[in-house]
């Protein structure tokens, strides 16, 4: 197997310098949670009926969302 050289662009990746906050377990523990079965959680989920062109790769699907 050949080795591949990996180089970052000058300046590096923007995500390398992003700082993350530590996980606050106190907030997670204070949240009210309800345990449900997989069957109950998935009862309103329906599979997407993709066209044959999408399944074969001839057409692409673009999923957009806004915040």
PDB file of N, CA and C in Angstrom:
ATOM      1  N   UNK A   1       0.850  -1.174   0.000  1.00  0.00           N
ATOM      2  CA  UNK A   1       0.000   0.000   0.000  1.00  0.00           C
ATOM      3  C   UNK A   1       0.894   1.234   0.000  1.00  0.00           C
ATOM      4  N   UNK A   2       0.609   2.172  -0.877  1.00  0.00           N
ATOM      5  CA  UNK A   2       1.401   3.397  -0.982  1.00  0.00           C
ATOM      6  C   UNK A   2       1.055   4.369   0.127  1.00  0.00           C
ATOM      7  N   UNK A   3       2.075   5.077   0.587  1.00  0.00           N
ATOM      8  CA  UNK A   3       1.832   6.122   1.566  1.00  0.00           C
ATOM      9  C   UNK A   3       1.409   7.386   0.840  1.00  0.00           C
ATOM     10  N   UNK A   4       0.488   8.110   1.397  1.00  0.00           N
ATOM     11  CA  UNK A   4       0.025   9.359   0.797  1.00  0.00           C
ATOM     12  C   UNK A   4       0.502  10.513   1.650  1.00  0.00           C
ATOM     13  N   UNK A   5       1.001  11.532   1.001  1.00  0.00           N
ATOM     14  CA  UNK A   5       1.415  12.728   1.714  1.00  0.00           C
ATOM     15  C   UNK A   5       0.192  13.614   1.926  1.00  0.00           C
ATOM     16  N   UNK A   6      -0.006  14.041   3.136  1.00  0.00           N
ATOM     17  CA  UNK A   6      -1.140  14.908   3.462  1.00  0.00           C
ATOM     18  C   UNK A   6      -0.576  16.250   3.875  1.00  0.00           C
ATOM     19  N   UNK A   7      -0.977  17.296   3.175  1.00  0.00           N
ATOM     20  CA  UNK A   7      -0.500  18.634   3.492  1.00  0.00           C
ATOM     21  C   UNK A   7      -1.696  19.546   3.727  1.00  0.00           C
ATOM     22  N   UNK A   8      -1.566  20.408   4.714  1.00  0.00           N
ATOM     23  CA  UNK A   8      -2.590  21.402   4.964  1.00  0.00           C
ATOM     24  C   UNK A   8      -2.258  22.654   4.173  1.00  0.00           C
ATOM     25  N   UNK A   9      -3.278  23.378   3.776  1.00  0.00           N
ATOM     26  CA  UNK A   9      -3.048  24.658   3.123  1.00  0.00           C
ATOM     27  C   UNK A   9      -2.412  25.611   4.114  1.00  0.00           C
ATOM     28  N   UNK A  10      -1.726  26.597   3.600  1.00  0.00           N
ATOM     29  CA  UNK A  10      -1.086  27.580   4.462  1.00  0.00           C
ATOM     30  C   UNK A  10      -2.141  28.201   5.372  1.00  0.00           C
ATOM     31  N   UNK A  11      -1.852  28.262   6.643  1.00  0.00           N
ATOM     32  CA  UNK A  11      -2.817  28.790   7.596  1.00  0.00           C
ATOM     33  C   UNK A  11      -3.597  27.694   8.291  1.00  0.00           C
ATOM     34  N   UNK A  12      -3.541  26.484   7.777  1.00  0.00           N
ATOM     35  CA  UNK A  12      -4.224  25.358   8.406  1.00  0.00           C
ATOM     36  C   UNK A  12      -5.727  25.399   8.196  1.00  0.00           C
ATOM     37  N   UNK A  13      -6.369  24.507   8.828  1.00  0.00           N
ATOM     38  CA  UNK A  13      -7.810  24.394   8.746  1.00  0.00           C
ATOM     39  C   UNK A  13      -8.445  25.313   9.795  1.00  0.00           C
ATOM     40  N   UNK A  14      -9.517  25.994   9.439  1.00  0.00           N
ATOM     41  CA  UNK A  14     -10.173  26.921  10.368  1.00  0.00           C
ATOM     42  C   UNK A  14     -10.666  26.200  11.619  1.00  0.00           C
ATOM     43  N   UNK A  15     -11.046  24.943  11.500  1.00  0.00           N
ATOM     44  CA  UNK A  15     -11.560  24.196  12.644  1.00  0.00           C
ATOM     45  C   UNK A  15     -10.454  23.861  13.656  1.00  0.00           C
ATOM     46  N   UNK A  16      -9.201  23.899  13.226  1.00  0.00           N
ATOM     47  CA  UNK A  16      -8.107  23.570  14.135  1.00  0.00           C
ATOM     48  C   UNK A  16      -8.003  24.573  15.273  1.00  0.00           C
ATOM     49  N   UNK A  17      -8.407  25.800  15.018  1.00  0.00           N
ATOM     50  CA  UNK A  17      -8.243  26.858  15.997  1.00  0.00           C
ATOM     51  C   UNK A  17      -9.525  27.154  16.773  1.00  0.00           C
ATOM     52  N   UNK A  18     -10.600  26.466  16.438  1.00  0.00           N
ATOM     53  CA  UNK A  18     -11.866  26.695  17.120  1.00  0.00           C
ATOM     54  C   UNK A  18     -11.815  26.067  18.502  1.00  0.00           C
ATOM     55  N   UNK A  19     -12.258  26.815  19.500  1.00  0.00           N
ATOM     56  CA  UNK A  19     -12.253  26.296  20.863  1.00  0.00           C
ATOM     57  C   UNK A  19     -13.639  25.772  21.210  1.00  0.00           C
ATOM     58  N   UNK A  20     -13.665  24.695  21.952  1.00  0.00           N
ATOM     59  CA  UNK A  20     -14.915  24.083  22.350  1.00  0.00           C
ATOM     60  C   UNK A  20     -15.066  24.170  23.860  1.00  0.00           C
ATOM     61  N   UNK A  21     -16.304  24.326  24.298  1.00  0.00           N
ATOM     62  CA  UNK A  21     -16.587  24.330  25.732  1.00  0.00           C
ATOM     63  C   UNK A  21     -16.655  22.893  26.215  1.00  0.00           C
ATOM     64  N   UNK A  22     -16.296  22.687  27.469  1.00  0.00           N
ATOM     65  CA  UNK A  22     -16.405  21.345  28.026  1.00  0.00           C
ATOM     66  C   UNK A  22     -17.879  21.018  28.273  1.00  0.00           C
ATOM     67  N   UNK A  23     -18.182  19.750  28.258  1.00  0.00           N
ATOM     68  CA  UNK A  23     -19.552  19.284  28.440  1.00  0.00           C
ATOM     69  C   UNK A  23     -19.984  19.492  29.885  1.00  0.00           C
ATOM     70  N   UNK A  24     -21.118  20.171  30.067  1.00  0.00           N
ATOM     71  CA  UNK A  24     -21.640  20.435  31.401  1.00  0.00           C
ATOM     72  C   UNK A  24     -22.599  19.312  31.782  1.00  0.00           C
ATOM     73  N   UNK A  25     -22.113  18.350  32.537  1.00  0.00           N
ATOM     74  CA  UNK A  25     -22.937  17.202  32.921  1.00  0.00           C
ATOM     75  C   UNK A  25     -24.083  17.602  33.839  1.00  0.00           C
ATOM     76  N   UNK A  26     -23.935  18.695  34.570  1.00  0.00           N
ATOM     77  CA  UNK A  26     -25.008  19.177  35.437  1.00  0.00           C
ATOM     78  C   UNK A  26     -26.255  19.522  34.643  1.00  0.00           C
ATOM     79  N   UNK A  27     -26.070  20.139  33.485  1.00  0.00           N
ATOM     80  CA  UNK A  27     -27.217  20.472  32.633  1.00  0.00           C
ATOM     81  C   UNK A  27     -27.884  19.213  32.107  1.00  0.00           C
ATOM     82  N   UNK A  28     -27.076  18.220  31.738  1.00  0.00           N
ATOM     83  CA  UNK A  28     -27.656  16.971  31.237  1.00  0.00           C
ATOM     84  C   UNK A  28     -28.424  16.245  32.327  1.00  0.00           C
ATOM     85  N   UNK A  29     -27.890  16.227  33.525  1.00  0.00           N
ATOM     86  CA  UNK A  29     -28.542  15.516  34.621  1.00  0.00           C
ATOM     87  C   UNK A  29     -29.833  16.188  35.067  1.00  0.00           C
ATOM     88  N   UNK A  30     -29.945  17.499  34.871  1.00  0.00           N
ATOM     89  CA  UNK A  30     -31.146  18.205  35.315  1.00  0.00           C
ATOM     90  C   UNK A  30     -32.271  18.166  34.276  1.00  0.00           C
ATOM     91  N   UNK A  31     -31.987  17.706  33.063  1.00  0.00           N
ATOM     92  CA  UNK A  31     -33.008  17.634  32.017  1.00  0.00           C
ATOM     93  C   UNK A  31     -33.957  16.472  32.290  1.00  0.00           C
ATOM     94  N   UNK A  32     -35.237  16.710  32.059  1.00  0.00           N
ATOM     95  CA  UNK A  32     -36.225  15.648  32.198  1.00  0.00           C
ATOM     96  C   UNK A  32     -36.159  14.779  30.942  1.00  0.00           C
ATOM     97  N   UNK A  33     -36.063  13.484  31.126  1.00  0.00           N
ATOM     98  CA  UNK A  33     -35.997  12.585  29.977  1.00  0.00           C
ATOM     99  C   UNK A  33     -37.051  11.495  30.120  1.00  0.00           C
ATOM    100  N   UNK A  34     -37.504  11.011  28.988  1.00  0.00           N
ATOM    101  CA  UNK A  34     -38.486   9.943  28.956  1.00  0.00           C
ATOM    102  C   UNK A  34     -37.925   8.809  28.117  1.00  0.00           C
ATOM    103  N   UNK A  35     -37.939   7.617  28.647  1.00  0.00           N
ATOM    104  CA  UNK A  35     -37.440   6.455  27.921  1.00  0.00           C
ATOM    105  C   UNK A  35     -38.594   5.850  27.133  1.00  0.00           C
ATOM    106  N   UNK A  36     -38.372   5.670  25.829  1.00  0.00           N
ATOM    107  CA  UNK A  36     -39.391   5.064  24.969  1.00  0.00           C
ATOM    108  C   UNK A  36     -38.750   3.927  24.183  1.00  0.00           C
ATOM    109  N   UNK A  37     -39.571   3.007  23.721  1.00  0.00           N
ATOM    110  CA  UNK A  37     -39.069   1.888  22.935  1.00  0.00           C
ATOM    111  C   UNK A  37     -38.701   2.375  21.532  1.00  0.00           C
ATOM    112  N   UNK A  38     -37.877   1.614  20.852  1.00  0.00           N
ATOM    113  CA  UNK A  38     -37.507   1.941  19.471  1.00  0.00           C
ATOM    114  C   UNK A  38     -38.748   1.974  18.590  1.00  0.00           C
ATOM    115  N   UNK A  39     -39.644   1.038  18.823  1.00  0.00           N
ATOM    116  CA  UNK A  39     -40.880   0.965  18.025  1.00  0.00           C
ATOM    117  C   UNK A  39     -41.681   2.259  18.179  1.00  0.00           C
ATOM    118  N   UNK A  40     -41.834   2.739  19.389  1.00  0.00           N
ATOM    119  CA  UNK A  40     -42.578   3.966  19.652  1.00  0.00           C
ATOM    120  C   UNK A  40     -41.855   5.179  19.038  1.00  0.00           C
ATOM    121  N   UNK A  41     -40.531   5.229  19.181  1.00  0.00           N
ATOM    122  CA  UNK A  41     -39.769   6.364  18.676  1.00  0.00           C
ATOM    123  C   UNK A  41     -39.825   6.450  17.154  1.00  0.00           C
ATOM    124  N   UNK A  42     -39.936   5.319  16.488  1.00  0.00           N
ATOM    125  CA  UNK A  42     -39.896   5.293  15.022  1.00  0.00           C
ATOM    126  C   UNK A  42     -41.269   5.147  14.367  1.00  0.00           C
ATOM    127  N   UNK A  43     -42.346   5.223  15.137  1.00  0.00           N
ATOM    128  CA  UNK A  43     -43.665   4.959  14.557  1.00  0.00           C
ATOM    129  C   UNK A  43     -44.087   5.990  13.515  1.00  0.00           C
ATOM    130  N   UNK A  44     -43.591   7.213  13.590  1.00  0.00           N
ATOM    131  CA  UNK A  44     -43.973   8.244  12.620  1.00  0.00           C
ATOM    132  C   UNK A  44     -42.920   8.450  11.534  1.00  0.00           C
ATOM    133  N   UNK A  45     -41.953   7.556  11.440  1.00  0.00           N
ATOM    134  CA  UNK A  45     -40.881   7.679  10.461  1.00  0.00           C
ATOM    135  C   UNK A  45     -41.221   6.826   9.244  1.00  0.00           C
ATOM    136  N   UNK A  46     -41.134   7.434   8.086  1.00  0.00           N
ATOM    137  CA  UNK A  46     -41.407   6.729   6.845  1.00  0.00           C
ATOM    138  C   UNK A  46     -40.181   6.811   5.950  1.00  0.00           C
ATOM    139  N   UNK A  47     -39.856   5.733   5.242  1.00  0.00           N
ATOM    140  CA  UNK A  47     -38.694   5.758   4.357  1.00  0.00           C
ATOM    141  C   UNK A  47     -38.936   6.700   3.171  1.00  0.00           C
ATOM    142  N   UNK A  48     -37.870   7.264   2.660  1.00  0.00           N
ATOM    143  CA  UNK A  48     -37.971   8.131   1.485  1.00  0.00           C
ATOM    144  C   UNK A  48     -38.011   7.247   0.252  1.00  0.00           C
ATOM    145  N   UNK A  49     -38.971   7.467  -0.598  1.00  0.00           N
ATOM    146  CA  UNK A  49     -39.091   6.700  -1.838  1.00  0.00           C
ATOM    147  C   UNK A  49     -38.260   7.376  -2.919  1.00  0.00           C
ATOM    148  N   UNK A  50     -36.944   7.061  -2.943  1.00  0.00           N
ATOM    149  CA  UNK A  50     -36.044   7.655  -3.918  1.00  0.00           C
ATOM    150  C   UNK A  50     -36.358   7.103  -5.304  1.00  0.00           C
ATOM    151  N   UNK A  51     -36.175   7.925  -6.321  1.00  0.00           N
ATOM    152  CA  UNK A  51     -36.386   7.469  -7.693  1.00  0.00           C
ATOM    153  C   UNK A  51     -35.242   6.536  -8.092  1.00  0.00           C
ATOM    154  N   UNK A  52     -35.443   5.778  -9.164  1.00  0.00           N
ATOM    155  CA  UNK A  52     -34.405   4.868  -9.650  1.00  0.00           C
ATOM    156  C   UNK A  52     -33.160   5.638 -10.066  1.00  0.00           C
ATOM    157  N   UNK A  53     -33.343   6.857 -10.599  1.00  0.00           N
ATOM    158  CA  UNK A  53     -32.201   7.670 -11.019  1.00  0.00           C
ATOM    159  C   UNK A  53     -31.341   8.078  -9.828  1.00  0.00           C
ATOM    160  N   UNK A  54     -31.972   8.365  -8.708  1.00  0.00           N
ATOM    161  CA  UNK A  54     -31.223   8.732  -7.505  1.00  0.00           C
ATOM    162  C   UNK A  54     -30.507   7.502  -6.952  1.00  0.00           C
ATOM    163  N   UNK A  55     -31.201   6.385  -6.882  1.00  0.00           N
ATOM    164  CA  UNK A  55     -30.606   5.164  -6.350  1.00  0.00           C
ATOM    165  C   UNK A  55     -29.441   4.673  -7.207  1.00  0.00           C
ATOM    166  N   UNK A  56     -29.513   4.906  -8.520  1.00  0.00           N
ATOM    167  CA  UNK A  56     -28.430   4.462  -9.410  1.00  0.00           C
ATOM    168  C   UNK A  56     -27.285   5.462  -9.467  1.00  0.00           C
ATOM    169  N   UNK A  57     -27.496   6.659  -8.923  1.00  0.00           N
ATOM    170  CA  UNK A  57     -26.434   7.666  -8.935  1.00  0.00           C
ATOM    171  C   UNK A  57     -26.487   8.606 -10.120  1.00  0.00           C
ATOM    172  N   UNK A  58     -27.492   8.466 -10.989  1.00  0.00           N
ATOM    173  CA  UNK A  58     -27.605   9.347 -12.151  1.00  0.00           C
ATOM    174  C   UNK A  58     -28.026  10.761 -11.748  1.00  0.00           C
ATOM    175  N   UNK A  59     -28.812  10.863 -10.703  1.00  0.00           N
ATOM    176  CA  UNK A  59     -29.251  12.161 -10.180  1.00  0.00           C
ATOM    177  C   UNK A  59     -28.807  12.274  -8.732  1.00  0.00           C
ATOM    178  N   UNK A  60     -28.587  13.514  -8.298  1.00  0.00           N
ATOM    179  CA  UNK A  60     -28.182  13.767  -6.918  1.00  0.00           C
ATOM    180  C   UNK A  60     -29.326  14.422  -6.158  1.00  0.00           C
ATOM    181  N   UNK A  61     -29.292  14.280  -4.859  1.00  0.00           N
ATOM    182  CA  UNK A  61     -30.272  14.900  -3.982  1.00  0.00           C
ATOM    183  C   UNK A  61     -29.542  15.940  -3.148  1.00  0.00           C
ATOM    184  N   UNK A  62     -30.068  17.143  -3.119  1.00  0.00           N
ATOM    185  CA  UNK A  62     -29.496  18.199  -2.297  1.00  0.00           C
ATOM    186  C   UNK A  62     -30.449  18.483  -1.157  1.00  0.00           C
ATOM    187  N   UNK A  63     -29.960  18.327   0.062  1.00  0.00           N
ATOM    188  CA  UNK A  63     -30.768  18.573   1.243  1.00  0.00           C
ATOM    189  C   UNK A  63     -30.326  19.890   1.843  1.00  0.00           C
ATOM    190  N   UNK A  64     -31.228  20.835   1.943  1.00  0.00           N
ATOM    191  CA  UNK A  64     -30.911  22.140   2.510  1.00  0.00           C
ATOM    192  C   UNK A  64     -31.700  22.343   3.787  1.00  0.00           C
ATOM    193  N   UNK A  65     -31.103  23.048   4.712  1.00  0.00           N
ATOM    194  CA  UNK A  65     -31.810  23.394   5.935  1.00  0.00           C
ATOM    195  C   UNK A  65     -31.359  24.772   6.375  1.00  0.00           C
ATOM    196  N   UNK A  66     -32.201  25.443   7.105  1.00  0.00           N
ATOM    197  CA  UNK A  66     -31.843  26.755   7.607  1.00  0.00           C
ATOM    198  C   UNK A  66     -31.949  26.736   9.130  1.00  0.00           C
ATOM    199  N   UNK A  67     -31.171  27.577   9.743  1.00  0.00           N
ATOM    200  CA  UNK A  67     -31.165  27.614  11.205  1.00  0.00           C
ATOM    201  C   UNK A  67     -32.225  28.532  11.725  1.00  0.00           C
TER     202      UNK A  67
END
